Structure formats: C-alpha cells, structure tokens
Amino acid sequence: MIKLPEPKKYFGLDTESDFSYYTAAQMHAHAAAVSAADNAALREVVESTAAADEFMDSPEAMDRLAVMARAALRKTK
C-alpha cells in the first residue's frame, strides 16, 4: 500500500483555525505512484503467463487473466 505524503500545514492567524492540506503536486505524485504500482502488478501477471497469446484467442483464458489481475491489484493496496 502506498501511503499519502505528509500534508502541508497551515497555521491560521488570529481568528483563523489551523488545518492540514494536500497540494495538487502532492496528489499528482501520489496518483502516479499508485498507477505505477498497479501497472507493475499487472505486468507481472501477464509476464508470468506461459502462453500470453492464448489470451487473445480464448474468452475463458481472458477471464482467468482478469481474475489474476484483480488478485494482483488487491495485493498492492
């Protein structure tokens, strides 16, 4: 699981309250890291399959690949 970065802190002035927030750059970087991890998990599943070409010809094999991909994605979260 990829954790969110530490949020930025805003320390309010006299009448303002303090709060934490994420910048757009932090959220874009986090989303990119999660996508990279998901892509790596999917690539690993596909590369571990002995006959990858069979998935293009067989609906049953496509279903098996989908099940394997979902399982790999669950492991990364």
PDB file of N, CA and C in Angstrom:
ATOM      1  N   MET A   1       0.841  -1.182   0.000  1.00  0.00           N
ATOM      2  CA  MET A   1       0.000   0.000   0.000  1.00  0.00           C
ATOM      3  C   MET A   1       0.885   1.243   0.000  1.00  0.00           C
ATOM      4  N   ILE A   2       0.571   2.137  -0.868  1.00  0.00           N
ATOM      5  CA  ILE A   2       1.340   3.369  -0.964  1.00  0.00           C
ATOM      6  C   ILE A   2       0.648   4.427  -0.103  1.00  0.00           C
ATOM      7  N   LYS A   3       1.385   4.949   0.857  1.00  0.00           N
ATOM      8  CA  LYS A   3       0.813   5.912   1.786  1.00  0.00           C
ATOM      9  C   LYS A   3       0.804   7.312   1.188  1.00  0.00           C
ATOM     10  N   LEU A   4      -0.152   8.105   1.644  1.00  0.00           N
ATOM     11  CA  LEU A   4      -0.190   9.504   1.239  1.00  0.00           C
ATOM     12  C   LEU A   4       0.994  10.237   1.850  1.00  0.00           C
ATOM     13  N   PRO A   5       1.470  11.284   1.193  1.00  0.00           N
ATOM     14  CA  PRO A   5       2.573  12.073   1.760  1.00  0.00           C
ATOM     15  C   PRO A   5       2.085  12.863   2.976  1.00  0.00           C
ATOM     16  N   GLU A   6       3.013  13.423   3.716  1.00  0.00           N
ATOM     17  CA  GLU A   6       2.652  14.282   4.846  1.00  0.00           C
ATOM     18  C   GLU A   6       1.973  15.534   4.304  1.00  0.00           C
ATOM     19  N   PRO A   7       0.826  15.887   4.864  1.00  0.00           N
ATOM     20  CA  PRO A   7       0.155  17.092   4.372  1.00  0.00           C
ATOM     21  C   PRO A   7       0.898  18.355   4.795  1.00  0.00           C
ATOM     22  N   LYS A   8       0.683  19.386   4.027  1.00  0.00           N
ATOM     23  CA  LYS A   8       1.215  20.695   4.388  1.00  0.00           C
ATOM     24  C   LYS A   8       0.402  21.218   5.562  1.00  0.00           C
ATOM     25  N   LYS A   9       0.973  22.094   6.339  1.00  0.00           N
ATOM     26  CA  LYS A   9       0.276  22.666   7.496  1.00  0.00           C
ATOM     27  C   LYS A   9       0.021  24.145   7.246  1.00  0.00           C
ATOM     28  N   TYR A  10      -1.155  24.562   7.619  1.00  0.00           N
ATOM     29  CA  TYR A  10      -1.470  25.982   7.578  1.00  0.00           C
ATOM     30  C   TYR A  10      -1.761  26.415   9.013  1.00  0.00           C
ATOM     31  N   PHE A  11      -1.018  27.360   9.477  1.00  0.00           N
ATOM     32  CA  PHE A  11      -1.220  27.868  10.826  1.00  0.00           C
ATOM     33  C   PHE A  11      -1.955  29.191  10.709  1.00  0.00           C
ATOM     34  N   GLY A  12      -3.212  29.172  11.116  1.00  0.00           N
ATOM     35  CA  GLY A  12      -4.077  30.331  10.961  1.00  0.00           C
ATOM     36  C   GLY A  12      -3.616  31.532  11.763  1.00  0.00           C
ATOM     37  N   LEU A  13      -4.056  32.666  11.301  1.00  0.00           N
ATOM     38  CA  LEU A  13      -3.773  33.901  12.009  1.00  0.00           C
ATOM     39  C   LEU A  13      -4.750  34.034  13.181  1.00  0.00           C
ATOM     40  N   ASP A  14      -4.879  35.180  13.726  1.00  0.00           N
ATOM     41  CA  ASP A  14      -5.654  35.395  14.948  1.00  0.00           C
ATOM     42  C   ASP A  14      -7.012  34.689  14.963  1.00  0.00           C
ATOM     43  N   THR A  15      -7.842  34.937  13.984  1.00  0.00           N
ATOM     44  CA  THR A  15      -9.208  34.392  14.003  1.00  0.00           C
ATOM     45  C   THR A  15      -9.365  33.167  13.107  1.00  0.00           C
ATOM     46  N   GLU A  16      -8.310  32.757  12.432  1.00  0.00           N
ATOM     47  CA  GLU A  16      -8.383  31.615  11.531  1.00  0.00           C
ATOM     48  C   GLU A  16      -7.952  30.344  12.268  1.00  0.00           C
ATOM     49  N   SER A  17      -8.539  29.232  11.883  1.00  0.00           N
ATOM     50  CA  SER A  17      -8.135  27.970  12.505  1.00  0.00           C
ATOM     51  C   SER A  17      -6.975  27.337  11.727  1.00  0.00           C
ATOM     52  N   ASP A  18      -6.205  26.499  12.412  1.00  0.00           N
ATOM     53  CA  ASP A  18      -5.117  25.757  11.780  1.00  0.00           C
ATOM     54  C   ASP A  18      -5.711  24.557  11.035  1.00  0.00           C
ATOM     55  N   PHE A  19      -5.072  24.145   9.942  1.00  0.00           N
ATOM     56  CA  PHE A  19      -5.525  22.946   9.238  1.00  0.00           C
ATOM     57  C   PHE A  19      -4.395  22.372   8.394  1.00  0.00           C
ATOM     58  N   SER A  20      -4.597  21.146   7.982  1.00  0.00           N
ATOM     59  CA  SER A  20      -3.649  20.464   7.099  1.00  0.00           C
ATOM     60  C   SER A  20      -4.289  20.344   5.713  1.00  0.00           C
ATOM     61  N   TYR A  21      -3.456  20.313   4.679  1.00  0.00           N
ATOM     62  CA  TYR A  21      -3.977  20.184   3.324  1.00  0.00           C
ATOM     63  C   TYR A  21      -2.924  19.533   2.429  1.00  0.00           C
ATOM     64  N   TYR A  22      -3.392  18.972   1.319  1.00  0.00           N
ATOM     65  CA  TYR A  22      -2.516  18.398   0.306  1.00  0.00           C
ATOM     66  C   TYR A  22      -2.466  19.339  -0.890  1.00  0.00           C
ATOM     67  N   THR A  23      -1.297  19.505  -1.443  1.00  0.00           N
ATOM     68  CA  THR A  23      -1.168  20.320  -2.646  1.00  0.00           C
ATOM     69  C   THR A  23      -1.506  19.472  -3.870  1.00  0.00           C
ATOM     70  N   ALA A  24      -1.782  20.146  -4.968  1.00  0.00           N
ATOM     71  CA  ALA A  24      -2.062  19.432  -6.220  1.00  0.00           C
ATOM     72  C   ALA A  24      -0.846  18.599  -6.627  1.00  0.00           C
ATOM     73  N   ALA A  25       0.351  19.133  -6.449  1.00  0.00           N
ATOM     74  CA  ALA A  25       1.567  18.392  -6.811  1.00  0.00           C
ATOM     75  C   ALA A  25       1.704  17.125  -5.976  1.00  0.00           C
ATOM     76  N   GLN A  26       1.377  17.201  -4.691  1.00  0.00           N
ATOM     77  CA  GLN A  26       1.452  16.011  -3.838  1.00  0.00           C
ATOM     78  C   GLN A  26       0.466  14.945  -4.315  1.00  0.00           C
ATOM     79  N   MET A  27      -0.746  15.352  -4.642  1.00  0.00           N
ATOM     80  CA  MET A  27      -1.760  14.389  -5.060  1.00  0.00           C
ATOM     81  C   MET A  27      -1.441  13.802  -6.433  1.00  0.00           C
ATOM     82  N   HIS A  28      -0.882  14.611  -7.341  1.00  0.00           N
ATOM     83  CA  HIS A  28      -0.485  14.087  -8.646  1.00  0.00           C
ATOM     84  C   HIS A  28       0.641  13.061  -8.489  1.00  0.00           C
ATOM     85  N   ALA A  29       1.602  13.360  -7.635  1.00  0.00           N
ATOM     86  CA  ALA A  29       2.710  12.420  -7.400  1.00  0.00           C
ATOM     87  C   ALA A  29       2.199  11.128  -6.772  1.00  0.00           C
ATOM     88  N   HIS A  30       1.262  11.237  -5.847  1.00  0.00           N
ATOM     89  CA  HIS A  30       0.704  10.044  -5.204  1.00  0.00           C
ATOM     90  C   HIS A  30      -0.051   9.191  -6.222  1.00  0.00           C
ATOM     91  N   ALA A  31      -0.876   9.837  -7.044  1.00  0.00           N
ATOM     92  CA  ALA A  31      -1.628   9.103  -8.066  1.00  0.00           C
ATOM     93  C   ALA A  31      -0.684   8.411  -9.050  1.00  0.00           C
ATOM     94  N   ALA A  32       0.396   9.074  -9.418  1.00  0.00           N
ATOM     95  CA  ALA A  32       1.369   8.470 -10.330  1.00  0.00           C
ATOM     96  C   ALA A  32       2.030   7.252  -9.689  1.00  0.00           C
ATOM     97  N   ALA A  33       2.340   7.331  -8.405  1.00  0.00           N
ATOM     98  CA  ALA A  33       2.962   6.201  -7.705  1.00  0.00           C
ATOM     99  C   ALA A  33       2.006   5.018  -7.613  1.00  0.00           C
ATOM    100  N   VAL A  34       0.741   5.284  -7.329  1.00  0.00           N
ATOM    101  CA  VAL A  34      -0.256   4.212  -7.256  1.00  0.00           C
ATOM    102  C   VAL A  34      -0.441   3.576  -8.630  1.00  0.00           C
ATOM    103  N   SER A  35      -0.525   4.387  -9.676  1.00  0.00           N
ATOM    104  CA  SER A  35      -0.675   3.855 -11.031  1.00  0.00           C
ATOM    105  C   SER A  35       0.528   3.011 -11.434  1.00  0.00           C
ATOM    106  N   ALA A  36       1.720   3.465 -11.080  1.00  0.00           N
ATOM    107  CA  ALA A  36       2.932   2.702 -11.405  1.00  0.00           C
ATOM    108  C   ALA A  36       2.924   1.355 -10.700  1.00  0.00           C
ATOM    109  N   ALA A  37       2.493   1.326  -9.441  1.00  0.00           N
ATOM    110  CA  ALA A  37       2.426   0.068  -8.700  1.00  0.00           C
ATOM    111  C   ALA A  37       1.389  -0.872  -9.325  1.00  0.00           C
ATOM    112  N   ASP A  38       0.231  -0.318  -9.702  1.00  0.00           N
ATOM    113  CA  ASP A  38      -0.795  -1.129 -10.351  1.00  0.00           C
ATOM    114  C   ASP A  38      -0.297  -1.674 -11.680  1.00  0.00           C
ATOM    115  N   ASN A  39       0.360  -0.840 -12.461  1.00  0.00           N
ATOM    116  CA  ASN A  39       0.895  -1.286 -13.753  1.00  0.00           C
ATOM    117  C   ASN A  39       1.948  -2.371 -13.574  1.00  0.00           C
ATOM    118  N   ALA A  40       2.794  -2.222 -12.572  1.00  0.00           N
ATOM    119  CA  ALA A  40       3.818  -3.238 -12.316  1.00  0.00           C
ATOM    120  C   ALA A  40       3.174  -4.568 -11.934  1.00  0.00           C
ATOM    121  N   ALA A  41       2.129  -4.513 -11.121  1.00  0.00           N
ATOM    122  CA  ALA A  41       1.440  -5.745 -10.725  1.00  0.00           C
ATOM    123  C   ALA A  41       0.800  -6.421 -11.925  1.00  0.00           C
ATOM    124  N   LEU A  42       0.160  -5.640 -12.784  1.00  0.00           N
ATOM    125  CA  LEU A  42      -0.455  -6.220 -13.981  1.00  0.00           C
ATOM    126  C   LEU A  42       0.596  -6.791 -14.928  1.00  0.00           C
ATOM    127  N   ARG A  43       1.699  -6.061 -15.104  1.00  0.00           N
ATOM    128  CA  ARG A  43       2.771  -6.540 -15.982  1.00  0.00           C
ATOM    129  C   ARG A  43       3.322  -7.866 -15.464  1.00  0.00           C
ATOM    130  N   GLU A  44       3.480  -7.967 -14.165  1.00  0.00           N
ATOM    131  CA  GLU A  44       3.997  -9.199 -13.572  1.00  0.00           C
ATOM    132  C   GLU A  44       3.060 -10.373 -13.850  1.00  0.00           C
ATOM    133  N   VAL A  45       1.758 -10.134 -13.755  1.00  0.00           N
ATOM    134  CA  VAL A  45       0.787 -11.194 -14.032  1.00  0.00           C
ATOM    135  C   VAL A  45       0.883 -11.636 -15.482  1.00  0.00           C
ATOM    136  N   VAL A  46       0.922 -10.668 -16.385  1.00  0.00           N
ATOM    137  CA  VAL A  46       0.965 -11.007 -17.810  1.00  0.00           C
ATOM    138  C   VAL A  46       2.266 -11.712 -18.156  1.00  0.00           C
ATOM    139  N   GLU A  47       3.392 -11.231 -17.645  1.00  0.00           N
ATOM    140  CA  GLU A  47       4.677 -11.840 -17.966  1.00  0.00           C
ATOM    141  C   GLU A  47       4.829 -13.223 -17.345  1.00  0.00           C
ATOM    142  N   SER A  48       4.119 -13.481 -16.252  1.00  0.00           N
ATOM    143  CA  SER A  48       4.229 -14.798 -15.622  1.00  0.00           C
ATOM    144  C   SER A  48       3.392 -15.848 -16.341  1.00  0.00           C
ATOM    145  N   THR A  49       2.581 -15.426 -17.274  1.00  0.00           N
ATOM    146  CA  THR A  49       1.736 -16.355 -18.018  1.00  0.00           C
ATOM    147  C   THR A  49       2.564 -16.996 -19.126  1.00  0.00           C
ATOM    148  N   ALA A  50       2.550 -18.306 -19.161  1.00  0.00           N
ATOM    149  CA  ALA A  50       3.389 -19.037 -20.111  1.00  0.00           C
ATOM    150  C   ALA A  50       2.997 -18.769 -21.564  1.00  0.00           C
ATOM    151  N   ALA A  51       1.721 -18.793 -21.858  1.00  0.00           N
ATOM    152  CA  ALA A  51       1.291 -18.630 -23.250  1.00  0.00           C
ATOM    153  C   ALA A  51       0.394 -17.404 -23.351  1.00  0.00           C
ATOM    154  N   ALA A  52       0.984 -16.222 -23.374  1.00  0.00           N
ATOM    155  CA  ALA A  52       0.215 -14.977 -23.375  1.00  0.00           C
ATOM    156  C   ALA A  52      -0.668 -14.858 -24.614  1.00  0.00           C
ATOM    157  N   ASP A  53      -0.255 -15.431 -25.731  1.00  0.00           N
ATOM    158  CA  ASP A  53      -1.056 -15.336 -26.958  1.00  0.00           C
ATOM    159  C   ASP A  53      -2.398 -16.023 -26.830  1.00  0.00           C
ATOM    160  N   GLU A  54      -2.486 -17.052 -25.980  1.00  0.00           N
ATOM    161  CA  GLU A  54      -3.751 -17.769 -25.846  1.00  0.00           C
ATOM    162  C   GLU A  54      -4.845 -16.849 -25.297  1.00  0.00           C
ATOM    163  N   PHE A  55      -4.470 -15.802 -24.584  1.00  0.00           N
ATOM    164  CA  PHE A  55      -5.471 -14.911 -24.003  1.00  0.00           C
ATOM    165  C   PHE A  55      -6.205 -14.121 -25.079  1.00  0.00           C
ATOM    166  N   MET A  56      -5.591 -13.939 -26.211  1.00  0.00           N
ATOM    167  CA  MET A  56      -6.251 -13.205 -27.282  1.00  0.00           C
ATOM    168  C   MET A  56      -7.269 -14.076 -28.020  1.00  0.00           C
ATOM    169  N   ASP A  57      -7.136 -15.382 -27.906  1.00  0.00           N
ATOM    170  CA  ASP A  57      -7.993 -16.296 -28.661  1.00  0.00           C
ATOM    171  C   ASP A  57      -9.089 -16.940 -27.837  1.00  0.00           C
ATOM    172  N   SER A  58      -8.967 -16.920 -26.528  1.00  0.00           N
ATOM    173  CA  SER A  58      -9.878 -17.693 -25.696  1.00  0.00           C
ATOM    174  C   SER A  58     -10.572 -16.805 -24.656  1.00  0.00           C
ATOM    175  N   PRO A  59     -11.907 -16.724 -24.696  1.00  0.00           N
ATOM    176  CA  PRO A  59     -12.626 -15.953 -23.675  1.00  0.00           C
ATOM    177  C   PRO A  59     -12.385 -16.496 -22.262  1.00  0.00           C
ATOM    178  N   GLU A  60     -12.267 -17.806 -22.135  1.00  0.00           N
ATOM    179  CA  GLU A  60     -12.018 -18.400 -20.819  1.00  0.00           C
ATOM    180  C   GLU A  60     -10.657 -17.960 -20.283  1.00  0.00           C
ATOM    181  N   ALA A  61      -9.678 -17.931 -21.174  1.00  0.00           N
ATOM    182  CA  ALA A  61      -8.347 -17.504 -20.759  1.00  0.00           C
ATOM    183  C   ALA A  61      -8.345 -16.023 -20.396  1.00  0.00           C
ATOM    184  N   MET A  62      -9.120 -15.214 -21.119  1.00  0.00           N
ATOM    185  CA  MET A  62      -9.238 -13.790 -20.788  1.00  0.00           C
ATOM    186  C   MET A  62      -9.834 -13.628 -19.399  1.00  0.00           C
ATOM    187  N   ASP A  63     -10.832 -14.446 -19.080  1.00  0.00           N
ATOM    188  CA  ASP A  63     -11.442 -14.394 -17.746  1.00  0.00           C
ATOM    189  C   ASP A  63     -10.420 -14.759 -16.676  1.00  0.00           C
ATOM    190  N   ARG A  64      -9.616 -15.777 -16.944  1.00  0.00           N
ATOM    191  CA  ARG A  64      -8.576 -16.159 -15.971  1.00  0.00           C
ATOM    192  C   ARG A  64      -7.583 -15.027 -15.764  1.00  0.00           C
ATOM    193  N   LEU A  65      -7.201 -14.355 -16.851  1.00  0.00           N
ATOM    194  CA  LEU A  65      -6.280 -13.228 -16.737  1.00  0.00           C
ATOM    195  C   LEU A  65      -6.899 -12.110 -15.900  1.00  0.00           C
ATOM    196  N   ALA A  66      -8.182 -11.842 -16.105  1.00  0.00           N
ATOM    197  CA  ALA A  66      -8.860 -10.799 -15.339  1.00  0.00           C
ATOM    198  C   ALA A  66      -8.871 -11.146 -13.847  1.00  0.00           C
ATOM    199  N   VAL A  67      -9.125 -12.391 -13.516  1.00  0.00           N
ATOM    200  CA  VAL A  67      -9.115 -12.822 -12.113  1.00  0.00           C
ATOM    201  C   VAL A  67      -7.715 -12.661 -11.514  1.00  0.00           C
ATOM    202  N   MET A  68      -6.700 -13.061 -12.270  1.00  0.00           N
ATOM    203  CA  MET A  68      -5.321 -12.930 -11.789  1.00  0.00           C
ATOM    204  C   MET A  68      -4.950 -11.464 -11.604  1.00  0.00           C
ATOM    205  N   ALA A  69      -5.371 -10.600 -12.537  1.00  0.00           N
ATOM    206  CA  ALA A  69      -5.061  -9.186 -12.452  1.00  0.00           C
ATOM    207  C   ALA A  69      -5.730  -8.558 -11.234  1.00  0.00           C
ATOM    208  N   ARG A  70      -7.008  -8.897 -10.988  1.00  0.00           N
ATOM    209  CA  ARG A  70      -7.694  -8.361  -9.817  1.00  0.00           C
ATOM    210  C   ARG A  70      -7.004  -8.785  -8.531  1.00  0.00           C
ATOM    211  N   ALA A  71      -6.571 -10.034  -8.468  1.00  0.00           N
ATOM    212  CA  ALA A  71      -5.872 -10.525  -7.281  1.00  0.00           C
ATOM    213  C   ALA A  71      -4.554  -9.773  -7.081  1.00  0.00           C
ATOM    214  N   ALA A  72      -3.838  -9.526  -8.174  1.00  0.00           N
ATOM    215  CA  ALA A  72      -2.568  -8.803  -8.074  1.00  0.00           C
ATOM    216  C   ALA A  72      -2.806  -7.375  -7.611  1.00  0.00           C
ATOM    217  N   LEU A  73      -3.847  -6.744  -8.099  1.00  0.00           N
ATOM    218  CA  LEU A  73      -4.148  -5.369  -7.697  1.00  0.00           C
ATOM    219  C   LEU A  73      -4.526  -5.299  -6.221  1.00  0.00           C
ATOM    220  N   ARG A  74      -5.259  -6.288  -5.733  1.00  0.00           N
ATOM    221  CA  ARG A  74      -5.635  -6.301  -4.313  1.00  0.00           C
ATOM    222  C   ARG A  74      -4.399  -6.371  -3.418  1.00  0.00           C
ATOM    223  N   LYS A  75      -3.366  -7.052  -3.868  1.00  0.00           N
ATOM    224  CA  LYS A  75      -2.141  -7.188  -3.079  1.00  0.00           C
ATOM    225  C   LYS A  75      -1.388  -5.856  -2.965  1.00  0.00           C
ATOM    226  N   THR A  76      -1.546  -4.961  -3.953  1.00  0.00           N
ATOM    227  CA  THR A  76      -0.804  -3.708  -3.932  1.00  0.00           C
ATOM    228  C   THR A  76      -1.498  -2.628  -3.133  1.00  0.00           C
ATOM    229  N   LYS A  77      -2.724  -2.850  -2.708  1.00  0.00           N
ATOM    230  CA  LYS A  77      -3.458  -1.794  -1.979  1.00  0.00           C
ATOM    231  C   LYS A  77      -3.441  -2.019  -0.501  1.00  0.00           C
TER     232      LYS A  77
END
